[in-house]
Amino acid sequence: MTDLSSFPITQRWPASHPDRIQLYATPTPNGVKVSIMLEETAAAYEPHFVDISNNESKDPAFVALNPNGRIPAIIDPAGPDGNPLALWESGAILLYLAEKTGQFMPVDPARRYDTLAWVFFQMSAIGPIFGQLGFFLRFGGKDFEDKRPRQRFVDETKRLLGVLDRQLEGRDWIVDDYSIADIATIGWVNALGAFYAAGAILGLDDYANVQAWLDRALARPAVQRGLHIPAKPA
């Protein structure tokens, strides 16, 4: 049996199945990137719910795995050299899982780099901007009297949706075939309406290509499962 005892996080969140990929996450737009990918690839994994509302990602055991103290993170007991591999940052995890499984990443070099560009677009633009918009619509920022900061993120979110909408013109998926570019982005776009209730303020119906893409993504059984993993313990 694989021994993961050298990782402090396994003392805080014990592994019942140490031979499986260990996922430490919360079903946020960032967290579900990895759970969706694991579901799509049919990888054997064990999810652990990290309660970020109680700052569990700042627990020393978690920080020992991810020095940035943010979900998600994984341990793969069968890393590239046959030894356990700890990995953090959702984009890096998606790329690792795509290469490990040979799925959801184009083989053609040009399309591969195009896919990576859209993954990085999500990491550098969509995630940070949509997340800040969510702060102003759903969390502490909603009580700010000065609405100019909120408007700045409304406007930038609209601009980014426009970029994505143009890319999806005539395409089912962001880069032709379904890939980690889509998996990275689904949770964030879905959150705009489903969690942030931003449909009216953004005019989401105006982005027809994005809406059609999201509908296709949400119709995938693995996406539906992944959006709710890890489940919060009862």
Foldseek 3Di string as FASTA:
>chain_A
DQDPPVQLLCVVVPDPCVQFKEKEAALALLQLLLQLLCLVLVGGYDYDYQPVVVLSLVPPSNCSLPVVSHDIKIWNCQDPVGHIDTDDDSLVSQVRSCVVRVPQADPPVVLNVVLVVLLVCCVPQLVVLLVVLLCCQPHDVVPDPDCVVNVVSLVSNLVVLVVQLVCLVVALDNRNDGHSSCSSCQNSVVCCCPPSVPCVVNVVVVSVSVVSSNVVQCVDPSSVVSSCPPPDDD
